[in-house]
Amino acid sequence: MTSTMEDSEVAHSDIFWWDLLLYTGIWIPNTATIFENFENANFFGRFNTWRSARDIREAIDASPWVDHSFCLFLDSTIFVFSATREDHFRHIHQVGFMLQARFMGHDQLHFVCFAPTTIRAGFTIEPLGRAFIVTDVGAYIRANGLGYTSEEN
């Protein structure tokens, strides 16, 4: 089975930019610390939830152990980023616990935990001054049936 990370990386090169507009948003880190945390990130992960962006925002706001210093969300997807493997393990578990505590499921088949780059986690983040353009490439691939193919060994 081809992994989620490989699908995102391979299929991304075949996608036209205008096809991704529906899966794109602007992320503006509200503190310099968050900006630095992302700039220093070496590990990336993603949760594909079955909830709206509003539900995710409310869950993050109501969960004191989860904040925007190590995660962001776009539509129904939560992206996690960390500088060290230990921090990333902790951050992934904090977001997972938040989802479980709020009875918010996520797609475990397409969950990405320790990706070395954003595209391997299924999203791209491009700088735009002090803001970032976030594109959920994984959602586009999943919605258009471009990924998750199986291979025989």
N, C-alpha and C. Protein backbone atom coordinates (compact mmCIF):
# COMPACT_ATOMS: atom_id res chain seq x y z
N MET A 1 0.85 -1.18 0.00
CA MET A 1 0.00 0.00 0.00
C MET A 1 0.89 1.24 0.00
N THR A 2 0.62 2.16 -0.88
CA THR A 2 1.35 3.40 -0.92
C THR A 2 0.91 4.27 0.25
N SER A 3 1.84 4.90 0.90
CA SER A 3 1.49 5.68 2.09
C SER A 3 0.87 7.02 1.72
N THR A 4 0.18 7.60 2.67
CA THR A 4 -0.43 8.92 2.50
C THR A 4 0.63 9.95 2.14
N MET A 5 1.78 9.88 2.80
CA MET A 5 2.82 10.87 2.57
C MET A 5 3.31 10.81 1.13
N GLU A 6 3.53 9.61 0.60
CA GLU A 6 4.02 9.47 -0.76
C GLU A 6 2.97 9.94 -1.76
N ASP A 7 1.70 9.63 -1.52
CA ASP A 7 0.63 10.07 -2.41
C ASP A 7 0.61 11.59 -2.53
N SER A 8 0.71 12.28 -1.42
CA SER A 8 0.65 13.74 -1.42
C SER A 8 1.80 14.32 -2.21
N GLU A 9 2.99 13.77 -2.02
CA GLU A 9 4.17 14.32 -2.68
C GLU A 9 4.13 14.06 -4.18
N VAL A 10 3.77 12.86 -4.60
CA VAL A 10 3.76 12.52 -6.02
C VAL A 10 2.64 13.25 -6.74
N ALA A 11 1.44 13.21 -6.18
CA ALA A 11 0.29 13.80 -6.87
C ALA A 11 0.35 15.32 -6.91
N HIS A 12 1.02 15.95 -5.96
CA HIS A 12 1.06 17.42 -5.91
C HIS A 12 1.68 18.00 -7.16
N SER A 13 2.65 17.33 -7.74
CA SER A 13 3.31 17.85 -8.94
C SER A 13 2.39 17.83 -10.15
N ASP A 14 1.30 17.07 -10.12
CA ASP A 14 0.38 16.96 -11.24
C ASP A 14 -0.85 17.85 -11.11
N ILE A 15 -0.91 18.70 -10.09
CA ILE A 15 -2.09 19.51 -9.81
C ILE A 15 -1.84 20.96 -10.25
N PHE A 16 -2.81 21.54 -10.94
CA PHE A 16 -2.73 22.95 -11.31
C PHE A 16 -3.12 23.81 -10.12
N TRP A 17 -2.50 24.97 -9.97
CA TRP A 17 -2.72 25.81 -8.80
C TRP A 17 -4.17 26.24 -8.65
N TRP A 18 -4.88 26.48 -9.75
CA TRP A 18 -6.27 26.94 -9.64
C TRP A 18 -7.20 25.85 -9.13
N ASP A 19 -6.79 24.58 -9.27
CA ASP A 19 -7.60 23.49 -8.72
C ASP A 19 -7.53 23.46 -7.20
N LEU A 20 -6.50 24.06 -6.62
CA LEU A 20 -6.31 24.03 -5.17
C LEU A 20 -6.94 25.21 -4.44
N LEU A 21 -7.53 26.15 -5.16
CA LEU A 21 -8.06 27.35 -4.52
C LEU A 21 -9.11 27.04 -3.45
N LEU A 22 -9.95 26.03 -3.68
CA LEU A 22 -10.96 25.66 -2.69
C LEU A 22 -10.36 25.07 -1.42
N TYR A 23 -9.11 24.66 -1.50
CA TYR A 23 -8.43 24.00 -0.37
C TYR A 23 -7.34 24.90 0.22
N THR A 24 -7.47 26.20 0.01
CA THR A 24 -6.43 27.15 0.41
C THR A 24 -6.99 28.18 1.39
N GLY A 25 -6.16 28.56 2.35
CA GLY A 25 -6.53 29.59 3.31
C GLY A 25 -5.31 30.39 3.71
N ILE A 26 -5.53 31.46 4.46
CA ILE A 26 -4.45 32.31 4.95
C ILE A 26 -4.30 32.07 6.44
N TRP A 27 -3.07 31.86 6.89
CA TRP A 27 -2.77 31.68 8.31
C TRP A 27 -1.88 32.83 8.74
N ILE A 28 -2.33 33.57 9.75
CA ILE A 28 -1.56 34.69 10.27
C ILE A 28 -1.20 34.38 11.72
N PRO A 29 0.04 33.96 11.98
CA PRO A 29 0.45 33.71 13.36
C PRO A 29 0.33 35.00 14.18
N ASN A 30 -0.31 34.91 15.34
CA ASN A 30 -0.56 36.14 16.11
C ASN A 30 0.58 36.53 17.04
N THR A 31 1.61 35.71 17.14
CA THR A 31 2.79 36.09 17.93
C THR A 31 4.05 35.67 17.19
N ALA A 32 5.15 36.30 17.55
CA ALA A 32 6.44 35.95 16.94
C ALA A 32 6.85 34.53 17.33
N THR A 33 6.43 34.09 18.51
CA THR A 33 6.77 32.74 18.98
C THR A 33 6.19 31.68 18.06
N ILE A 34 4.93 31.86 17.66
CA ILE A 34 4.29 30.89 16.77
C ILE A 34 5.01 30.88 15.43
N PHE A 35 5.34 32.05 14.91
CA PHE A 35 6.07 32.15 13.65
C PHE A 35 7.39 31.40 13.75
N GLU A 36 8.13 31.60 14.84
CA GLU A 36 9.41 30.92 15.04
C GLU A 36 9.22 29.41 15.20
N ASN A 37 8.17 29.00 15.91
CA ASN A 37 7.90 27.57 16.08
C ASN A 37 7.71 26.90 14.73
N PHE A 38 6.97 27.55 13.84
CA PHE A 38 6.77 26.96 12.52
C PHE A 38 8.06 26.97 11.72
N GLU A 39 8.78 28.08 11.75
CA GLU A 39 10.04 28.18 11.00
C GLU A 39 11.05 27.12 11.45
N ASN A 40 11.04 26.73 12.72
CA ASN A 40 11.97 25.75 13.26
C ASN A 40 11.44 24.32 13.23
N ALA A 41 10.25 24.13 12.69
CA ALA A 41 9.63 22.80 12.71
C ALA A 41 10.36 21.81 11.80
N ASN A 42 10.55 20.60 12.32
CA ASN A 42 11.17 19.51 11.57
C ASN A 42 10.23 18.33 11.40
N PHE A 43 9.11 18.33 12.12
CA PHE A 43 8.15 17.24 12.07
C PHE A 43 6.75 17.81 11.86
N PHE A 44 5.98 17.14 11.01
CA PHE A 44 4.65 17.61 10.65
C PHE A 44 3.66 16.46 10.71
N GLY A 45 2.44 16.78 11.08
CA GLY A 45 1.39 15.77 11.14
C GLY A 45 0.05 16.37 10.75
N ARG A 46 -0.93 15.50 10.52
CA ARG A 46 -2.27 15.97 10.14
C ARG A 46 -3.34 15.04 10.66
N PHE A 47 -4.43 15.64 11.08
CA PHE A 47 -5.63 14.93 11.48
C PHE A 47 -6.74 15.37 10.52
N ASN A 48 -7.36 14.43 9.83
CA ASN A 48 -8.54 14.73 9.01
C ASN A 48 -9.75 14.46 9.88
N THR A 49 -10.37 15.51 10.39
CA THR A 49 -11.52 15.33 11.27
C THR A 49 -12.80 15.27 10.46
N TRP A 50 -13.88 14.97 11.14
CA TRP A 50 -15.20 14.96 10.51
C TRP A 50 -16.04 16.10 11.04
N ARG A 51 -15.39 17.18 11.43
CA ARG A 51 -16.08 18.34 12.00
C ARG A 51 -15.76 19.60 11.21
N SER A 52 -16.52 20.64 11.47
CA SER A 52 -16.33 21.91 10.77
C SER A 52 -15.18 22.70 11.40
N ALA A 53 -14.73 23.70 10.68
CA ALA A 53 -13.67 24.57 11.20
C ALA A 53 -14.13 25.27 12.48
N ARG A 54 -15.39 25.61 12.55
CA ARG A 54 -15.94 26.25 13.76
C ARG A 54 -15.84 25.31 14.96
N ASP A 55 -16.20 24.03 14.76
CA ASP A 55 -16.11 23.05 15.84
C ASP A 55 -14.66 22.88 16.31
N ILE A 56 -13.74 22.87 15.35
CA ILE A 56 -12.32 22.71 15.70
C ILE A 56 -11.83 23.93 16.47
N ARG A 57 -12.19 25.12 16.03
CA ARG A 57 -11.79 26.34 16.73
C ARG A 57 -12.31 26.32 18.17
N GLU A 58 -13.56 25.95 18.36
CA GLU A 58 -14.14 25.89 19.70
C GLU A 58 -13.42 24.85 20.56
N ALA A 59 -13.07 23.71 19.96
CA ALA A 59 -12.36 22.66 20.71
C ALA A 59 -10.98 23.14 21.15
N ILE A 60 -10.25 23.80 20.26
CA ILE A 60 -8.92 24.31 20.61
C ILE A 60 -9.03 25.39 21.68
N ASP A 61 -10.00 26.28 21.54
CA ASP A 61 -10.18 27.34 22.53
C ASP A 61 -10.57 26.79 23.90
N ALA A 62 -11.29 25.67 23.93
CA ALA A 62 -11.74 25.08 25.19
C ALA A 62 -10.74 24.09 25.78
N SER A 63 -9.64 23.84 25.08
CA SER A 63 -8.64 22.87 25.54
C SER A 63 -7.36 23.62 25.91
N PRO A 64 -7.10 23.81 27.20
CA PRO A 64 -5.93 24.59 27.61
C PRO A 64 -4.59 23.95 27.23
N TRP A 65 -4.57 22.66 26.99
CA TRP A 65 -3.32 21.97 26.65
C TRP A 65 -3.02 22.00 25.15
N VAL A 66 -3.94 22.55 24.34
CA VAL A 66 -3.73 22.68 22.90
C VAL A 66 -3.83 24.16 22.56
N ASP A 67 -2.83 24.66 21.84
CA ASP A 67 -2.91 26.05 21.41
C ASP A 67 -2.33 26.19 20.00
N HIS A 68 -2.39 27.38 19.49
CA HIS A 68 -1.94 27.62 18.12
C HIS A 68 -0.43 27.71 17.99
N SER A 69 0.31 27.50 19.07
CA SER A 69 1.76 27.57 18.97
C SER A 69 2.34 26.33 18.29
N PHE A 70 1.56 25.26 18.15
CA PHE A 70 2.06 24.06 17.49
C PHE A 70 1.04 23.44 16.54
N CYS A 71 -0.10 24.07 16.33
CA CYS A 71 -1.06 23.52 15.38
C CYS A 71 -1.87 24.64 14.73
N LEU A 72 -2.40 24.34 13.56
CA LEU A 72 -3.31 25.22 12.86
C LEU A 72 -4.34 24.35 12.18
N PHE A 73 -5.44 24.93 11.78
CA PHE A 73 -6.45 24.13 11.11
C PHE A 73 -6.97 24.86 9.89
N LEU A 74 -7.39 24.09 8.91
CA LEU A 74 -7.97 24.60 7.68
C LEU A 74 -9.14 23.70 7.36
N ASP A 75 -10.33 24.27 7.35
CA ASP A 75 -11.57 23.52 7.17
C ASP A 75 -11.65 22.43 8.23
N SER A 76 -11.63 21.17 7.82
CA SER A 76 -11.79 20.08 8.79
C SER A 76 -10.47 19.38 9.11
N THR A 77 -9.36 19.96 8.72
CA THR A 77 -8.05 19.33 8.91
C THR A 77 -7.23 20.12 9.92
N ILE A 78 -6.58 19.39 10.83
CA ILE A 78 -5.68 20.00 11.80
C ILE A 78 -4.25 19.62 11.42
N PHE A 79 -3.38 20.61 11.29
CA PHE A 79 -1.97 20.39 11.00
C PHE A 79 -1.17 20.65 12.27
N VAL A 80 -0.24 19.76 12.57
CA VAL A 80 0.59 19.87 13.77
C VAL A 80 2.05 20.00 13.32
N PHE A 81 2.81 20.88 13.95
CA PHE A 81 4.22 21.07 13.60
C PHE A 81 5.04 21.23 14.86
N SER A 82 6.25 20.65 14.84
CA SER A 82 7.12 20.69 16.03
C SER A 82 8.58 20.65 15.60
N ALA A 83 9.44 21.16 16.47
CA ALA A 83 10.87 21.20 16.18
C ALA A 83 11.55 19.86 16.48
N THR A 84 11.16 19.21 17.57
CA THR A 84 11.82 17.96 17.95
C THR A 84 10.83 16.80 17.92
N ARG A 85 11.38 15.61 17.81
CA ARG A 85 10.54 14.41 17.79
C ARG A 85 9.75 14.27 19.09
N GLU A 86 10.38 14.57 20.22
CA GLU A 86 9.71 14.45 21.52
C GLU A 86 8.55 15.44 21.62
N ASP A 87 8.79 16.69 21.21
CA ASP A 87 7.72 17.69 21.22
C ASP A 87 6.58 17.28 20.29
N HIS A 88 6.94 16.75 19.12
CA HIS A 88 5.91 16.37 18.16
C HIS A 88 5.06 15.21 18.70
N PHE A 89 5.71 14.25 19.32
CA PHE A 89 4.98 13.14 19.93
C PHE A 89 3.98 13.68 20.95
N ARG A 90 4.42 14.62 21.77
CA ARG A 90 3.55 15.21 22.79
C ARG A 90 2.43 16.03 22.15
N HIS A 91 2.74 16.82 21.14
CA HIS A 91 1.74 17.65 20.48
C HIS A 91 0.68 16.80 19.77
N ILE A 92 1.12 15.75 19.09
CA ILE A 92 0.18 14.85 18.41
C ILE A 92 -0.77 14.24 19.44
N HIS A 93 -0.22 13.81 20.57
CA HIS A 93 -1.07 13.22 21.61
C HIS A 93 -2.01 14.25 22.23
N GLN A 94 -1.57 15.48 22.38
CA GLN A 94 -2.44 16.52 22.93
C GLN A 94 -3.62 16.79 22.00
N VAL A 95 -3.36 16.88 20.71
CA VAL A 95 -4.45 17.11 19.75
C VAL A 95 -5.36 15.88 19.71
N GLY A 96 -4.77 14.69 19.69
CA GLY A 96 -5.57 13.46 19.71
C GLY A 96 -6.45 13.37 20.94
N PHE A 97 -5.91 13.74 22.10
CA PHE A 97 -6.69 13.72 23.34
C PHE A 97 -7.81 14.75 23.28
N MET A 98 -7.53 15.91 22.70
CA MET A 98 -8.57 16.94 22.54
C MET A 98 -9.72 16.40 21.69
N LEU A 99 -9.39 15.76 20.58
CA LEU A 99 -10.43 15.21 19.71
C LEU A 99 -11.24 14.14 20.44
N GLN A 100 -10.55 13.28 21.16
CA GLN A 100 -11.24 12.22 21.89
C GLN A 100 -12.11 12.79 23.01
N ALA A 101 -11.60 13.76 23.75
CA ALA A 101 -12.35 14.35 24.87
C ALA A 101 -13.59 15.09 24.39
N ARG A 102 -13.55 15.63 23.19
CA ARG A 102 -14.70 16.38 22.65
C ARG A 102 -15.54 15.52 21.72
N PHE A 103 -15.28 14.21 21.69
CA PHE A 103 -16.02 13.26 20.84
C PHE A 103 -15.97 13.67 19.37
N MET A 104 -14.80 14.09 18.95
CA MET A 104 -14.57 14.49 17.56
C MET A 104 -13.69 13.44 16.91
N GLY A 105 -14.25 12.65 16.02
CA GLY A 105 -13.48 11.61 15.37
C GLY A 105 -12.57 12.17 14.29
N HIS A 106 -11.63 11.33 13.89
CA HIS A 106 -10.76 11.69 12.77
C HIS A 106 -10.49 10.44 11.96
N ASP A 107 -10.10 10.64 10.72
CA ASP A 107 -9.85 9.55 9.77
C ASP A 107 -8.49 8.93 10.10
N GLN A 108 -8.51 7.81 10.79
CA GLN A 108 -7.26 7.19 11.23
C GLN A 108 -6.50 6.54 10.07
N LEU A 109 -7.20 6.18 9.00
CA LEU A 109 -6.54 5.58 7.84
C LEU A 109 -5.61 6.59 7.15
N HIS A 110 -5.99 7.86 7.16
CA HIS A 110 -5.20 8.89 6.48
C HIS A 110 -4.53 9.85 7.45
N PHE A 111 -4.37 9.43 8.68
CA PHE A 111 -3.67 10.20 9.71
C PHE A 111 -2.18 10.17 9.41
N VAL A 112 -1.52 11.32 9.49
CA VAL A 112 -0.07 11.41 9.28
C VAL A 112 0.55 11.90 10.57
N CYS A 113 1.58 11.20 11.04
CA CYS A 113 2.15 11.54 12.34
C CYS A 113 3.51 12.23 12.23
N PHE A 114 4.51 11.57 11.71
CA PHE A 114 5.88 12.09 11.72
C PHE A 114 6.42 12.34 10.31
N ALA A 115 5.82 13.26 9.58
CA ALA A 115 6.29 13.58 8.24
C ALA A 115 7.46 14.57 8.35
N PRO A 116 8.50 14.40 7.51
CA PRO A 116 9.66 15.30 7.57
C PRO A 116 9.45 16.65 6.89
N THR A 117 8.43 16.76 6.03
CA THR A 117 8.13 18.02 5.34
C THR A 117 6.62 18.23 5.33
N THR A 118 6.21 19.46 5.05
CA THR A 118 4.77 19.75 5.02
C THR A 118 4.08 18.98 3.90
N ILE A 119 4.69 18.91 2.72
CA ILE A 119 4.04 18.23 1.60
C ILE A 119 3.90 16.74 1.88
N ARG A 120 4.83 16.16 2.60
CA ARG A 120 4.70 14.74 2.96
C ARG A 120 3.56 14.53 3.95
N ALA A 121 3.17 15.59 4.66
CA ALA A 121 2.01 15.51 5.56
C ALA A 121 0.73 15.90 4.82
N GLY A 122 0.83 16.28 3.57
CA GLY A 122 -0.36 16.55 2.77
C GLY A 122 -0.78 18.01 2.71
N PHE A 123 0.12 18.92 3.03
CA PHE A 123 -0.23 20.33 2.91
C PHE A 123 1.02 21.13 2.56
N THR A 124 0.79 22.32 2.01
CA THR A 124 1.89 23.23 1.72
C THR A 124 1.64 24.53 2.46
N ILE A 125 2.71 25.18 2.85
CA ILE A 125 2.63 26.48 3.50
C ILE A 125 3.67 27.38 2.84
N GLU A 126 3.18 28.43 2.22
CA GLU A 126 4.04 29.38 1.51
C GLU A 126 4.03 30.71 2.26
N PRO A 127 5.19 31.33 2.50
CA PRO A 127 5.22 32.62 3.19
C PRO A 127 4.62 33.74 2.34
N LEU A 128 3.95 34.65 3.02
CA LEU A 128 3.36 35.82 2.39
C LEU A 128 3.51 36.96 3.39
N GLY A 129 4.71 37.54 3.48
CA GLY A 129 5.01 38.53 4.51
C GLY A 129 5.04 37.83 5.87
N ARG A 130 4.24 38.33 6.82
CA ARG A 130 4.14 37.70 8.15
C ARG A 130 2.99 36.70 8.19
N ALA A 131 2.36 36.45 7.06
CA ALA A 131 1.28 35.47 6.96
C ALA A 131 1.76 34.30 6.11
N PHE A 132 0.94 33.27 6.05
CA PHE A 132 1.25 32.09 5.24
C PHE A 132 0.03 31.69 4.43
N ILE A 133 0.26 31.22 3.22
CA ILE A 133 -0.80 30.62 2.42
C ILE A 133 -0.75 29.12 2.69
N VAL A 134 -1.82 28.58 3.24
CA VAL A 134 -1.89 27.17 3.60
C VAL A 134 -2.78 26.46 2.58
N THR A 135 -2.28 25.38 2.00
CA THR A 135 -3.05 24.60 1.03
C THR A 135 -3.12 23.16 1.49
N ASP A 136 -4.33 22.65 1.60
CA ASP A 136 -4.55 21.27 2.02
C ASP A 136 -4.56 20.37 0.78
N VAL A 137 -3.38 20.02 0.31
CA VAL A 137 -3.22 19.19 -0.88
C VAL A 137 -3.83 17.81 -0.65
N GLY A 138 -3.70 17.28 0.57
CA GLY A 138 -4.26 15.97 0.89
C GLY A 138 -5.76 15.92 0.71
N ALA A 139 -6.47 16.99 1.07
CA ALA A 139 -7.93 17.03 0.90
C ALA A 139 -8.29 17.03 -0.58
N TYR A 140 -7.53 17.77 -1.39
CA TYR A 140 -7.78 17.78 -2.84
C TYR A 140 -7.56 16.39 -3.43
N ILE A 141 -6.46 15.76 -3.04
CA ILE A 141 -6.14 14.43 -3.56
C ILE A 141 -7.24 13.43 -3.17
N ARG A 142 -7.66 13.49 -1.92
CA ARG A 142 -8.70 12.58 -1.43
C ARG A 142 -10.04 12.84 -2.14
N ALA A 143 -10.40 14.12 -2.32
CA ALA A 143 -11.68 14.47 -2.94
C ALA A 143 -11.73 14.11 -4.42
N ASN A 144 -10.60 14.07 -5.07
CA ASN A 144 -10.56 13.81 -6.50
C ASN A 144 -10.04 12.42 -6.85
N GLY A 145 -9.86 11.58 -5.86
CA GLY A 145 -9.47 10.19 -6.10
C GLY A 145 -8.10 10.02 -6.72
N LEU A 146 -7.17 10.92 -6.42
CA LEU A 146 -5.85 10.85 -7.03
C LEU A 146 -4.85 10.03 -6.22
N GLY A 147 -5.16 9.70 -5.00
CA GLY A 147 -4.19 9.02 -4.16
C GLY A 147 -4.74 7.76 -3.55
N TYR A 148 -3.94 7.21 -2.64
CA TYR A 148 -4.30 6.04 -1.86
C TYR A 148 -4.54 4.82 -2.74
N THR A 149 -3.62 4.59 -3.63
CA THR A 149 -3.70 3.40 -4.47
C THR A 149 -2.91 2.29 -3.84
N SER A 150 -3.31 1.07 -4.12
CA SER A 150 -2.58 -0.06 -3.53
C SER A 150 -1.63 -0.64 -4.57
N GLU A 151 -0.57 -1.25 -4.07
CA GLU A 151 0.41 -1.90 -4.93
C GLU A 151 0.61 -3.31 -4.43
N GLU A 152 0.83 -4.21 -5.34
CA GLU A 152 1.10 -5.60 -4.96
C GLU A 152 2.58 -5.74 -4.62
N ASN A 153 2.88 -6.51 -3.60
CA ASN A 153 4.28 -6.75 -3.23
C ASN A 153 4.85 -7.89 -4.01
